[in-house]
PDB file of N, CA and C in Angstrom:
ATOM      1  N   MET A   1       8.674  12.381  -5.216  1.00  0.00           N
ATOM      2  CA  MET A   1       8.145  13.126  -6.400  1.00  0.00           C
ATOM      3  C   MET A   1       7.563  12.085  -7.265  1.00  0.00           C
ATOM      4  N   ARG A   2       8.043  11.068  -7.431  1.00  0.00           N
ATOM      5  CA  ARG A   2       7.552  10.008  -8.296  1.00  0.00           C
ATOM      6  C   ARG A   2       6.169   9.500  -7.948  1.00  0.00           C
ATOM      7  N   ARG A   3       6.071   9.319  -6.691  1.00  0.00           N
ATOM      8  CA  ARG A   3       4.701   8.793  -6.011  1.00  0.00           C
ATOM      9  C   ARG A   3       3.567   9.852  -6.257  1.00  0.00           C
ATOM     10  N   LYS A   4       3.833  11.131  -6.074  1.00  0.00           N
ATOM     11  CA  LYS A   4       3.010  12.135  -6.229  1.00  0.00           C
ATOM     12  C   LYS A   4       2.664  12.265  -7.726  1.00  0.00           C
ATOM     13  N   LEU A   5       3.518  12.125  -8.692  1.00  0.00           N
ATOM     14  CA  LEU A   5       3.108  12.005 -10.053  1.00  0.00           C
ATOM     15  C   LEU A   5       2.306  10.911 -10.505  1.00  0.00           C
ATOM     16  N   ILE A   6       2.587   9.594  -9.977  1.00  0.00           N
ATOM     17  CA  ILE A   6       1.761   8.509 -10.274  1.00  0.00           C
ATOM     18  C   ILE A   6       0.496   8.636  -9.572  1.00  0.00           C
ATOM     19  N   PHE A   7       0.379   9.284  -8.399  1.00  0.00           N
ATOM     20  CA  PHE A   7      -0.922   9.627  -7.764  1.00  0.00           C
ATOM     21  C   PHE A   7      -1.794  10.488  -8.607  1.00  0.00           C
ATOM     22  N   GLY A   8      -1.150  11.609  -9.085  1.00  0.00           N
ATOM     23  CA  GLY A   8      -1.875  12.554  -9.831  1.00  0.00           C
ATOM     24  C   GLY A   8      -2.264  11.976 -11.305  1.00  0.00           C
ATOM     25  N   LEU A   9      -1.576  11.176 -11.880  1.00  0.00           N
ATOM     26  CA  LEU A   9      -1.819  10.801 -13.252  1.00  0.00           C
ATOM     27  C   LEU A   9      -2.665   9.459 -13.305  1.00  0.00           C
ATOM     28  N   VAL A  10      -2.684   8.755 -12.200  1.00  0.00           N
ATOM     29  CA  VAL A  10      -3.490   7.464 -12.317  1.00  0.00           C
ATOM     30  C   VAL A  10      -4.542   7.486 -11.293  1.00  0.00           C
ATOM     31  N   VAL A  11      -4.273   7.760 -10.087  1.00  0.00           N
ATOM     32  CA  VAL A  11      -5.208   7.569  -8.900  1.00  0.00           C
ATOM     33  C   VAL A  11      -6.330   8.462  -9.068  1.00  0.00           C
ATOM     34  N   VAL A  12      -5.962   9.827  -9.189  1.00  0.00           N
ATOM     35  CA  VAL A  12      -7.048  10.838  -9.215  1.00  0.00           C
ATOM     36  C   VAL A  12      -8.070  10.526 -10.487  1.00  0.00           C
ATOM     37  N   PRO A  13      -7.462  10.476 -11.623  1.00  0.00           N
ATOM     38  CA  PRO A  13      -8.618  10.227 -12.764  1.00  0.00           C
ATOM     39  C   PRO A  13      -9.368   8.756 -12.504  1.00  0.00           C
ATOM     40  N   LEU A  14      -8.703   7.857 -11.976  1.00  0.00           N
ATOM     41  CA  LEU A  14      -9.416   6.681 -11.638  1.00  0.00           C
ATOM     42  C   LEU A  14     -10.595   6.903 -10.792  1.00  0.00           C
ATOM     43  N   GLY A  15     -10.242   7.704  -9.615  1.00  0.00           N
ATOM     44  CA  GLY A  15     -11.276   7.969  -8.614  1.00  0.00           C
ATOM     45  C   GLY A  15     -12.505   8.818  -9.317  1.00  0.00           C
ATOM     46  N   VAL A  16     -12.116   9.735 -10.121  1.00  0.00           N
ATOM     47  CA  VAL A  16     -13.111  10.593 -10.829  1.00  0.00           C
ATOM     48  C   VAL A  16     -13.997   9.604 -11.541  1.00  0.00           C
ATOM     49  N   ALA A  17     -13.297   8.727 -12.418  1.00  0.00           N
ATOM     50  CA  ALA A  17     -14.083   7.877 -13.282  1.00  0.00           C
ATOM     51  C   ALA A  17     -14.933   6.981 -12.531  1.00  0.00           C
ATOM     52  N   LEU A  18     -14.515   6.419 -11.391  1.00  0.00           N
ATOM     53  CA  LEU A  18     -15.305   5.454 -10.613  1.00  0.00           C
ATOM     54  C   LEU A  18     -16.404   6.307  -9.888  1.00  0.00           C
ATOM     55  N   THR A  19     -16.236   7.471  -9.526  1.00  0.00           N
ATOM     56  CA  THR A  19     -17.254   8.241  -9.034  1.00  0.00           C
ATOM     57  C   THR A  19     -18.351   8.516 -10.031  1.00  0.00           C
ATOM     58  N   ALA A  20     -17.989   8.970 -11.212  1.00  0.00           N
ATOM     59  CA  ALA A  20     -18.954   9.158 -12.355  1.00  0.00           C
ATOM     60  C   ALA A  20     -19.802   7.948 -12.727  1.00  0.00           C
ATOM     61  N   LEU A  21     -18.971   6.900 -12.676  1.00  0.00           N
ATOM     62  CA  LEU A  21     -19.612   5.553 -13.001  1.00  0.00           C
ATOM     63  C   LEU A  21     -20.667   5.093 -11.947  1.00  0.00           C
ATOM     64  N   SER A  22     -20.314   5.365 -10.616  1.00  0.00           N
ATOM     65  CA  SER A  22     -21.259   5.151  -9.548  1.00  0.00           C
ATOM     66  C   SER A  22     -22.574   5.916  -9.704  1.00  0.00           C
ATOM     67  N   VAL A  23     -22.356   7.236  -9.984  1.00  0.00           N
ATOM     68  CA  VAL A  23     -23.537   8.126 -10.076  1.00  0.00           C
ATOM     69  C   VAL A  23     -24.439   7.793 -11.219  1.00  0.00           C
ATOM     70  N   ALA A  24     -23.793   7.399 -12.405  1.00  0.00           N
ATOM     71  CA  ALA A  24     -24.593   6.980 -13.543  1.00  0.00           C
ATOM     72  C   ALA A  24     -25.221   5.705 -13.490  1.00  0.00           C
ATOM     73  N   ASN A  25     -24.844   4.758 -12.611  1.00  0.00           N
ATOM     74  CA  ASN A  25     -25.373   3.467 -12.531  1.00  0.00           C
ATOM     75  C   ASN A  25     -26.064   3.196 -11.243  1.00  0.00           C
ATOM     76  N   ARG A  26     -27.014   4.013 -10.788  1.00  0.00           N
ATOM     77  CA  ARG A  26     -27.582   3.741  -9.412  1.00  0.00           C
ATOM     78  C   ARG A  26     -28.843   3.045  -9.541  1.00  0.00           C
ATOM     79  N   ALA A  27     -29.332   2.618 -10.634  1.00  0.00           N
ATOM     80  CA  ALA A  27     -30.578   1.880 -10.730  1.00  0.00           C
ATOM     81  C   ALA A  27     -30.356   0.400 -10.259  1.00  0.00           C
ATOM     82  N   PRO A  28     -31.285  -0.079  -9.535  1.00  0.00           N
ATOM     83  CA  PRO A  28     -31.134  -1.550  -8.986  1.00  0.00           C
ATOM     84  C   PRO A  28     -31.061  -2.549 -10.124  1.00  0.00           C
ATOM     85  N   VAL A  29     -30.371  -3.449  -9.957  1.00  0.00           N
ATOM     86  CA  VAL A  29     -30.122  -4.630 -10.825  1.00  0.00           C
ATOM     87  C   VAL A  29     -30.309  -5.946 -10.223  1.00  0.00           C
ATOM     88  N   LEU A  30     -30.911  -6.913 -10.849  1.00  0.00           N
ATOM     89  CA  LEU A  30     -30.985  -8.249 -10.234  1.00  0.00           C
ATOM     90  C   LEU A  30     -29.823  -9.000 -10.568  1.00  0.00           C
ATOM     91  N   LEU A  31     -29.240  -9.695  -9.674  1.00  0.00           N
ATOM     92  CA  LEU A  31     -28.165 -10.587  -9.888  1.00  0.00           C
ATOM     93  C   LEU A  31     -28.651 -12.002  -9.612  1.00  0.00           C
ATOM     94  N   VAL A  32     -28.884 -12.808 -10.523  1.00  0.00           N
ATOM     95  CA  VAL A  32     -29.437 -14.215 -10.457  1.00  0.00           C
ATOM     96  C   VAL A  32     -28.196 -15.078 -10.212  1.00  0.00           C
ATOM     97  N   LEU A  33     -28.059 -15.806  -9.132  1.00  0.00           N
ATOM     98  CA  LEU A  33     -26.949 -16.676  -8.742  1.00  0.00           C
ATOM     99  C   LEU A  33     -27.373 -18.143  -9.116  1.00  0.00           C
ATOM    100  N   ASP A  34     -28.485 -18.421  -9.589  1.00  0.00           N
ATOM    101  CA  ASP A  34     -28.850 -19.685 -10.081  1.00  0.00           C
ATOM    102  C   ASP A  34     -28.530 -19.922 -11.473  1.00  0.00           C
ATOM    103  N   PRO A  35     -27.664 -20.774 -11.750  1.00  0.00           N
ATOM    104  CA  PRO A  35     -27.003 -20.957 -13.194  1.00  0.00           C
ATOM    105  C   PRO A  35     -28.058 -21.898 -14.021  1.00  0.00           C
ATOM    106  N   PHE A  36     -29.055 -22.524 -13.345  1.00  0.00           N
ATOM    107  CA  PHE A  36     -29.961 -23.310 -13.984  1.00  0.00           C
ATOM    108  C   PHE A  36     -31.238 -22.710 -14.330  1.00  0.00           C
ATOM    109  N   GLY A  37     -31.615 -21.406 -13.731  1.00  0.00           N
ATOM    110  CA  GLY A  37     -32.768 -20.762 -13.878  1.00  0.00           C
ATOM    111  C   GLY A  37     -33.921 -21.468 -13.320  1.00  0.00           C
ATOM    112  N   GLY A  38     -33.895 -21.962 -12.104  1.00  0.00           N
ATOM    113  CA  GLY A  38     -35.029 -22.632 -11.585  1.00  0.00           C
ATOM    114  C   GLY A  38     -36.030 -21.768 -10.912  1.00  0.00           C
ATOM    115  N   GLY A  39     -35.798 -20.424 -11.015  1.00  0.00           N
ATOM    116  CA  GLY A  39     -36.717 -19.542 -10.265  1.00  0.00           C
ATOM    117  C   GLY A  39     -36.605 -19.478  -8.850  1.00  0.00           C
ATOM    118  N   ASN A  40     -35.596 -19.949  -8.265  1.00  0.00           N
ATOM    119  CA  ASN A  40     -35.479 -19.777  -6.778  1.00  0.00           C
ATOM    120  C   ASN A  40     -35.044 -18.292  -6.403  1.00  0.00           C
ATOM    121  N   THR A  41     -36.056 -17.807  -5.692  1.00  0.00           N
ATOM    122  CA  THR A  41     -35.904 -16.283  -5.309  1.00  0.00           C
ATOM    123  C   THR A  41     -34.973 -16.075  -4.272  1.00  0.00           C
ATOM    124  N   SER A  42     -34.454 -17.045  -3.460  1.00  0.00           N
ATOM    125  CA  SER A  42     -33.398 -16.938  -2.515  1.00  0.00           C
ATOM    126  C   SER A  42     -32.013 -16.782  -3.061  1.00  0.00           C
ATOM    127  N   LEU A  43     -31.867 -17.066  -4.412  1.00  0.00           N
ATOM    128  CA  LEU A  43     -30.606 -16.900  -5.023  1.00  0.00           C
ATOM    129  C   LEU A  43     -30.488 -15.640  -5.965  1.00  0.00           C
ATOM    130  N   VAL A  44     -31.352 -14.602  -5.618  1.00  0.00           N
ATOM    131  CA  VAL A  44     -31.356 -13.343  -6.333  1.00  0.00           C
ATOM    132  C   VAL A  44     -30.914 -12.174  -5.403  1.00  0.00           C
ATOM    133  N   ILE A  45     -29.989 -11.520  -5.935  1.00  0.00           N
ATOM    134  CA  ILE A  45     -29.568 -10.296  -5.113  1.00  0.00           C
ATOM    135  C   ILE A  45     -29.797  -9.026  -5.901  1.00  0.00           C
ATOM    136  N   GLU A  46     -30.450  -8.130  -5.299  1.00  0.00           N
ATOM    137  CA  GLU A  46     -30.979  -6.854  -6.052  1.00  0.00           C
ATOM    138  C   GLU A  46     -30.037  -5.638  -5.394  1.00  0.00           C
ATOM    139  N   ALA A  47     -29.319  -5.053  -6.253  1.00  0.00           N
ATOM    140  CA  ALA A  47     -28.458  -4.025  -5.706  1.00  0.00           C
ATOM    141  C   ALA A  47     -28.185  -3.058  -6.899  1.00  0.00           C
ATOM    142  N   PRO A  48     -27.615  -1.860  -6.643  1.00  0.00           N
ATOM    143  CA  PRO A  48     -27.217  -0.967  -7.747  1.00  0.00           C
ATOM    144  C   PRO A  48     -26.048  -1.451  -8.548  1.00  0.00           C
ATOM    145  N   LEU A  49     -26.056  -1.186  -9.819  1.00  0.00           N
ATOM    146  CA  LEU A  49     -25.029  -1.783 -10.791  1.00  0.00           C
ATOM    147  C   LEU A  49     -23.537  -1.449 -10.392  1.00  0.00           C
ATOM    148  N   PHE A  50     -23.450  -0.174  -9.935  1.00  0.00           N
ATOM    149  CA  PHE A  50     -22.214   0.302  -9.413  1.00  0.00           C
ATOM    150  C   PHE A  50     -21.637  -0.630  -8.303  1.00  0.00           C
ATOM    151  N   LEU A  51     -22.475  -1.087  -7.400  1.00  0.00           N
ATOM    152  CA  LEU A  51     -21.842  -2.064  -6.421  1.00  0.00           C
ATOM    153  C   LEU A  51     -21.258  -3.287  -6.980  1.00  0.00           C
ATOM    154  N   TYR A  52     -21.955  -3.775  -7.962  1.00  0.00           N
ATOM    155  CA  TYR A  52     -21.393  -5.003  -8.649  1.00  0.00           C
ATOM    156  C   TYR A  52     -20.059  -4.637  -9.291  1.00  0.00           C
ATOM    157  N   LEU A  53     -20.054  -3.497 -10.046  1.00  0.00           N
ATOM    158  CA  LEU A  53     -18.921  -3.201 -10.757  1.00  0.00           C
ATOM    159  C   LEU A  53     -17.718  -2.946  -9.683  1.00  0.00           C
ATOM    160  N   LEU A  54     -18.017  -2.256  -8.648  1.00  0.00           N
ATOM    161  CA  LEU A  54     -16.982  -1.903  -7.593  1.00  0.00           C
ATOM    162  C   LEU A  54     -16.527  -3.166  -7.031  1.00  0.00           C
ATOM    163  N   GLY A  55     -17.406  -4.057  -6.763  1.00  0.00           N
ATOM    164  CA  GLY A  55     -17.143  -5.464  -6.187  1.00  0.00           C
ATOM    165  C   GLY A  55     -16.293  -6.204  -7.000  1.00  0.00           C
ATOM    166  N   ALA A  56     -16.488  -6.172  -8.359  1.00  0.00           N
ATOM    167  CA  ALA A  56     -15.739  -7.046  -9.338  1.00  0.00           C
ATOM    168  C   ALA A  56     -14.282  -6.338  -9.313  1.00  0.00           C
ATOM    169  N   PHE A  57     -14.148  -5.026  -9.219  1.00  0.00           N
ATOM    170  CA  PHE A  57     -13.032  -4.295  -9.406  1.00  0.00           C
ATOM    171  C   PHE A  57     -12.052  -4.683  -8.112  1.00  0.00           C
ATOM    172  N   GLY A  58     -12.778  -4.611  -6.975  1.00  0.00           N
ATOM    173  CA  GLY A  58     -12.047  -5.054  -5.585  1.00  0.00           C
ATOM    174  C   GLY A  58     -11.611  -6.362  -5.687  1.00  0.00           C
ATOM    175  N   LEU A  59     -12.469  -7.357  -6.091  1.00  0.00           N
ATOM    176  CA  LEU A  59     -12.094  -8.682  -6.073  1.00  0.00           C
ATOM    177  C   LEU A  59     -10.870  -9.001  -7.093  1.00  0.00           C
ATOM    178  N   GLY A  60     -10.957  -8.325  -8.111  1.00  0.00           N
ATOM    179  CA  GLY A  60      -9.758  -8.484  -9.129  1.00  0.00           C
ATOM    180  C   GLY A  60      -8.386  -7.896  -8.497  1.00  0.00           C
ATOM    181  N   LEU A  61      -8.642  -6.732  -7.845  1.00  0.00           N
ATOM    182  CA  LEU A  61      -7.493  -6.204  -7.277  1.00  0.00           C
ATOM    183  C   LEU A  61      -6.916  -7.095  -6.102  1.00  0.00           C
ATOM    184  N   ALA A  62      -7.914  -7.736  -5.366  1.00  0.00           N
ATOM    185  CA  ALA A  62      -7.413  -8.669  -4.266  1.00  0.00           C
ATOM    186  C   ALA A  62      -6.878  -9.978  -4.891  1.00  0.00           C
ATOM    187  N   VAL A  63      -7.418 -10.501  -5.932  1.00  0.00           N
ATOM    188  CA  VAL A  63      -6.807 -11.820  -6.537  1.00  0.00           C
ATOM    189  C   VAL A  63      -5.449 -11.304  -7.151  1.00  0.00           C
ATOM    190  N   GLY A  64      -5.338 -10.362  -7.916  1.00  0.00           N
ATOM    191  CA  GLY A  64      -4.133  -9.825  -8.499  1.00  0.00           C
ATOM    192  C   GLY A  64      -2.985  -9.653  -7.463  1.00  0.00           C
ATOM    193  N   GLY A  65      -3.347  -9.059  -6.367  1.00  0.00           N
ATOM    194  CA  GLY A  65      -2.453  -8.798  -5.354  1.00  0.00           C
ATOM    195  C   GLY A  65      -1.946 -10.100  -4.640  1.00  0.00           C
ATOM    196  N   PHE A  66      -2.786 -10.952  -4.491  1.00  0.00           N
ATOM    197  CA  PHE A  66      -2.426 -12.398  -3.914  1.00  0.00           C
ATOM    198  C   PHE A  66      -1.513 -13.195  -4.781  1.00  0.00           C
ATOM    199  N   ALA A  67      -1.926 -13.069  -6.235  1.00  0.00           N
ATOM    200  CA  ALA A  67      -1.175 -13.697  -7.237  1.00  0.00           C
ATOM    201  C   ALA A  67       0.369 -13.220  -7.274  1.00  0.00           C
ATOM    202  N   THR A  68       0.430 -11.804  -7.206  1.00  0.00           N
ATOM    203  CA  THR A  68       1.813 -11.208  -7.200  1.00  0.00           C
ATOM    204  C   THR A  68       2.462 -11.591  -5.950  1.00  0.00           C
ATOM    205  N   TRP A  69       1.820 -11.588  -4.644  1.00  0.00           N
ATOM    206  CA  TRP A  69       2.507 -11.917  -3.466  1.00  0.00           C
ATOM    207  C   TRP A  69       3.013 -13.334  -3.676  1.00  0.00           C
ATOM    208  N   LEU A  70       2.208 -14.202  -4.234  1.00  0.00           N
ATOM    209  CA  LEU A  70       2.683 -15.743  -4.377  1.00  0.00           C
ATOM    210  C   LEU A  70       3.905 -15.716  -5.362  1.00  0.00           C
ATOM    211  N   GLY A  71       3.837 -14.974  -6.315  1.00  0.00           N
ATOM    212  CA  GLY A  71       4.906 -14.987  -7.391  1.00  0.00           C
ATOM    213  C   GLY A  71       6.227 -14.340  -6.717  1.00  0.00           C
ATOM    214  N   GLN A  72       6.109 -13.533  -5.795  1.00  0.00           N
ATOM    215  CA  GLN A  72       7.399 -12.988  -5.270  1.00  0.00           C
ATOM    216  C   GLN A  72       7.978 -13.814  -4.064  1.00  0.00           C
ATOM    217  N   ALA A  73       7.334 -14.972  -3.736  1.00  0.00           N
ATOM    218  CA  ALA A  73       7.749 -15.792  -2.643  1.00  0.00           C
ATOM    219  C   ALA A  73       9.208 -16.145  -2.830  1.00  0.00           C
ATOM    220  N   LYS A  74       9.736 -16.490  -3.926  1.00  0.00           N
ATOM    221  CA  LYS A  74      11.225 -16.813  -3.954  1.00  0.00           C
ATOM    222  C   LYS A  74      12.128 -15.801  -3.641  1.00  0.00           C
ATOM    223  N   TRP A  75      11.663 -14.470  -3.930  1.00  0.00           N
ATOM    224  CA  TRP A  75      12.465 -13.273  -3.765  1.00  0.00           C
ATOM    225  C   TRP A  75      12.572 -13.008  -2.326  1.00  0.00           C
ATOM    226  N   ARG A  76      11.370 -13.056  -1.541  1.00  0.00           N
ATOM    227  CA  ARG A  76      11.306 -12.933  -0.123  1.00  0.00           C
ATOM    228  C   ARG A  76      12.124 -13.966   0.607  1.00  0.00           C
ATOM    229  N   ARG A  77      12.039 -15.267   0.115  1.00  0.00           N
ATOM    230  CA  ARG A  77      12.903 -16.266   0.705  1.00  0.00           C
ATOM    231  C   ARG A  77      14.362 -16.049   0.601  1.00  0.00           C
ATOM    232  N   SER A  78      14.756 -15.558  -0.616  1.00  0.00           N
ATOM    233  CA  SER A  78      16.070 -15.249  -0.857  1.00  0.00           C
ATOM    234  C   SER A  78      16.618 -14.068   0.026  1.00  0.00           C
ATOM    235  N   ALA A  79      15.796 -13.048   0.141  1.00  0.00           N
ATOM    236  CA  ALA A  79      16.086 -11.971   1.055  1.00  0.00           C
ATOM    237  C   ALA A  79      16.160 -12.302   2.443  1.00  0.00           C
ATOM    238  N   LYS A  80      15.304 -13.150   2.930  1.00  0.00           N
ATOM    239  CA  LYS A  80      15.463 -13.662   4.289  1.00  0.00           C
ATOM    240  C   LYS A  80      16.716 -14.561   4.511  1.00  0.00           C
ATOM    241  N   HIS A  81      17.037 -15.294   3.546  1.00  0.00           N
ATOM    242  CA  HIS A  81      18.293 -16.134   3.609  1.00  0.00           C
ATOM    243  C   HIS A  81      19.513 -15.148   3.687  1.00  0.00           C
ATOM    244  N   GLY A  82      19.621 -14.136   2.983  1.00  0.00           N
ATOM    245  CA  GLY A  82      20.672 -13.240   2.905  1.00  0.00           C
ATOM    246  C   GLY A  82      20.727 -12.443   4.050  1.00  0.00           C
ATOM    247  N   ALA A  83      19.468 -12.086   4.724  1.00  0.00           N
ATOM    248  CA  ALA A  83      19.599 -11.276   5.829  1.00  0.00           C
ATOM    249  C   ALA A  83      20.133 -12.284   7.144  1.00  0.00           C
ATOM    250  N   ARG A  84      19.822 -13.545   7.119  1.00  0.00           N
ATOM    251  CA  ARG A  84      20.301 -14.471   8.084  1.00  0.00           C
ATOM    252  C   ARG A  84      21.885 -14.593   7.911  1.00  0.00           C
ATOM    253  N   GLU A  85      22.308 -14.757   6.699  1.00  0.00           N
ATOM    254  CA  GLU A  85      23.744 -14.835   6.539  1.00  0.00           C
ATOM    255  C   GLU A  85      24.482 -13.566   6.811  1.00  0.00           C
ATOM    256  N   ALA A  86      23.928 -12.408   6.536  1.00  0.00           N
ATOM    257  CA  ALA A  86      24.588 -11.162   6.952  1.00  0.00           C
ATOM    258  C   ALA A  86      24.663 -11.022   8.505  1.00  0.00           C
ATOM    259  N   ASP A  87      23.671 -11.516   9.117  1.00  0.00           N
ATOM    260  CA  ASP A  87      23.624 -11.546  10.624  1.00  0.00           C
ATOM    261  C   ASP A  87      24.699 -12.302  11.279  1.00  0.00           C
ATOM    262  N   GLU A  88      24.897 -13.547  10.470  1.00  0.00           N
ATOM    263  CA  GLU A  88      25.980 -14.445  10.946  1.00  0.00           C
ATOM    264  C   GLU A  88      27.313 -13.899  10.806  1.00  0.00           C
ATOM    265  N   TRP A  89      27.487 -13.183   9.671  1.00  0.00           N
ATOM    266  CA  TRP A  89      28.786 -12.518   9.488  1.00  0.00           C
ATOM    267  C   TRP A  89      28.991 -11.334  10.452  1.00  0.00           C
ATOM    268  N   ARG A  90      28.045 -10.624  10.702  1.00  0.00           N
ATOM    269  CA  ARG A  90      28.265  -9.549  11.631  1.00  0.00           C
ATOM    270  C   ARG A  90      28.497 -10.056  13.204  1.00  0.00           C
ATOM    271  N   ARG A  91      27.952 -11.230  13.521  1.00  0.00           N
ATOM    272  CA  ARG A  91      28.272 -11.868  14.690  1.00  0.00           C
ATOM    273  C   ARG A  91      29.635 -12.292  14.678  1.00  0.00           C
ATOM    274  N   ARG A  92      30.098 -12.859  13.743  1.00  0.00           N
ATOM    275  CA  ARG A  92      31.427 -13.371  13.661  1.00  0.00           C
ATOM    276  C   ARG A  92      32.493 -12.231  13.753  1.00  0.00           C
ATOM    277  N   ALA A  93      32.121 -11.091  12.936  1.00  0.00           N
ATOM    278  CA  ALA A  93      33.014  -9.956  12.999  1.00  0.00           C
ATOM    279  C   ALA A  93      32.996  -9.259  14.313  1.00  0.00           C
ATOM    280  N   SER A  94      31.954  -9.345  14.985  1.00  0.00           N
ATOM    281  CA  SER A  94      31.985  -8.639  16.367  1.00  0.00           C
ATOM    282  C   SER A  94      32.824  -9.438  17.299  1.00  0.00           C
ATOM    283  N   ARG A  95      32.842 -10.721  17.159  1.00  0.00           N
ATOM    284  CA  ARG A  95      33.779 -11.568  18.079  1.00  0.00           C
ATOM    285  C   ARG A  95      35.195 -11.115  17.760  1.00  0.00           C
ATOM    286  N   LEU A  96      35.568 -10.647  16.581  1.00  0.00           N
ATOM    287  CA  LEU A  96      37.022 -10.373  16.289  1.00  0.00           C
ATOM    288  C   LEU A  96      37.450  -9.018  16.497  1.00  0.00           C
ATOM    289  N   GLU A  97      36.496  -8.061  17.080  1.00  0.00           N
ATOM    290  CA  GLU A  97      36.871  -6.771  17.376  1.00  0.00           C
ATOM    291  C   GLU A  97      37.604  -6.753  18.608  1.00  0.00           C
ATOM    292  N   PRO A  98      38.577  -5.870  18.782  1.00  0.00           N
ATOM    293  CA  PRO A  98      39.541  -5.778  19.902  1.00  0.00           C
ATOM    294  C   PRO A  98      38.845  -5.331  21.245  1.00  0.00           C
ATOM    295  N   GLU A  99      39.317  -5.859  22.304  1.00  0.00           N
ATOM    296  CA  GLU A  99      38.765  -5.611  23.583  1.00  0.00           C
ATOM    297  C   GLU A  99      38.817  -4.049  23.786  1.00  0.00           C
ATOM    298  N   PRO A 100      38.055  -3.494  24.565  1.00  0.00           N
ATOM    299  CA  PRO A 100      38.114  -2.092  24.983  1.00  0.00           C
ATOM    300  C   PRO A 100      39.392  -1.706  25.694  1.00  0.00           C
ATOM    301  N   GLY A 101      40.031  -2.611  26.153  1.00  0.00           N
ATOM    302  CA  GLY A 101      41.292  -2.429  26.828  1.00  0.00           C
ATOM    303  C   GLY A 101      42.402  -1.990  25.939  1.00  0.00           C
ATOM    304  N   GLY A 102      42.348  -2.258  24.646  1.00  0.00           N
ATOM    305  CA  GLY A 102      43.258  -1.771  23.726  1.00  0.00           C
ATOM    306  C   GLY A 102      43.958  -2.899  23.162  1.00  0.00           C
ATOM    307  N   GLY A 103      43.932  -4.066  23.390  1.00  0.00           N
ATOM    308  CA  GLY A 103      44.595  -5.210  22.792  1.00  0.00           C
ATOM    309  C   GLY A 103      44.367  -5.348  21.311  1.00  0.00           C
ATOM    310  N   GLN A 104      45.505  -5.309  20.568  1.00  0.00           N
ATOM    311  CA  GLN A 104      45.386  -5.541  19.079  1.00  0.00           C
ATOM    312  C   GLN A 104      45.239  -7.010  18.793  1.00  0.00           C
ATOM    313  N   LEU A 105      44.423  -7.201  17.507  1.00  0.00           N
ATOM    314  CA  LEU A 105      44.414  -8.494  17.003  1.00  0.00           C
ATOM    315  C   LEU A 105      45.625  -9.013  16.350  1.00  0.00           C
ATOM    316  N   THR A 106      46.014 -10.047  16.584  1.00  0.00           N
ATOM    317  CA  THR A 106      47.142 -10.745  15.711  1.00  0.00           C
ATOM    318  C   THR A 106      46.463 -11.311  14.539  1.00  0.00           C
ATOM    319  N   PRO A 107      47.235 -11.380  13.380  1.00  0.00           N
ATOM    320  CA  PRO A 107      46.795 -11.918  12.209  1.00  0.00           C
ATOM    321  C   PRO A 107      46.132 -13.367  12.179  1.00  0.00           C
ATOM    322  N   HIS A 108      46.709 -14.138  12.931  1.00  0.00           N
ATOM    323  CA  HIS A 108      46.168 -15.520  13.108  1.00  0.00           C
ATOM    324  C   HIS A 108      44.884 -15.633  13.740  1.00  0.00           C
ATOM    325  N   ARG A 109      44.535 -14.694  14.620  1.00  0.00           N
ATOM    326  CA  ARG A 109      43.254 -14.624  15.286  1.00  0.00           C
ATOM    327  C   ARG A 109      42.162 -13.868  14.471  1.00  0.00           C
ATOM    328  N   ALA A 110      42.570 -13.043  13.472  1.00  0.00           N
ATOM    329  CA  ALA A 110      41.634 -12.268  12.672  1.00  0.00           C
ATOM    330  C   ALA A 110      41.097 -13.054  11.412  1.00  0.00           C
ATOM    331  N   ARG A 111      41.548 -14.202  11.177  1.00  0.00           N
ATOM    332  CA  ARG A 111      41.096 -15.112   9.926  1.00  0.00           C
ATOM    333  C   ARG A 111      39.654 -15.581  10.193  1.00  0.00           C
ATOM    334  N   LEU A 112      38.842 -15.386   9.288  1.00  0.00           N
ATOM    335  CA  LEU A 112      37.484 -16.039   9.197  1.00  0.00           C
ATOM    336  C   LEU A 112      37.621 -17.316   8.500  1.00  0.00           C
ATOM    337  N   THR A 113      36.842 -18.211   9.006  1.00  0.00           N
ATOM    338  CA  THR A 113      36.744 -19.501   8.405  1.00  0.00           C
ATOM    339  C   THR A 113      35.420 -19.606   7.516  1.00  0.00           C
ATOM    340  N   VAL A 114      35.534 -20.037   6.338  1.00  0.00           N
ATOM    341  CA  VAL A 114      34.394 -19.986   5.405  1.00  0.00           C
ATOM    342  C   VAL A 114      33.834 -21.491   5.519  1.00  0.00           C
ATOM    343  N   ASP A 115      32.499 -21.677   5.892  1.00  0.00           N
ATOM    344  CA  ASP A 115      31.886 -22.877   6.003  1.00  0.00           C
ATOM    345  C   ASP A 115      31.651 -23.540   4.527  1.00  0.00           C
TER     346      ASP A 115
END
């Protein structure tokens, strides 16, 4: 339910705004990549303005996502360590389960040693 609400309140209006922006900015614009203004025509790109705007939006989204991914690295590492530790404890516990033949564990065999 929460996901649908976020989609309806954020994504749909954003899509409508980007579509309107694209339709309103269809005129071609020159993007000069020469910072010194030498007049080199090979460093000029002509495209509609909305392509530059959407490209900048996409680039910002990608850079922000990458920065977030890097910022969460310590939490992923901690989760991986916790999963390994849980697997180790499960392995140890499975060795302590009684045999299918019905033998009961004695208290001295059931102790776990903590490293």
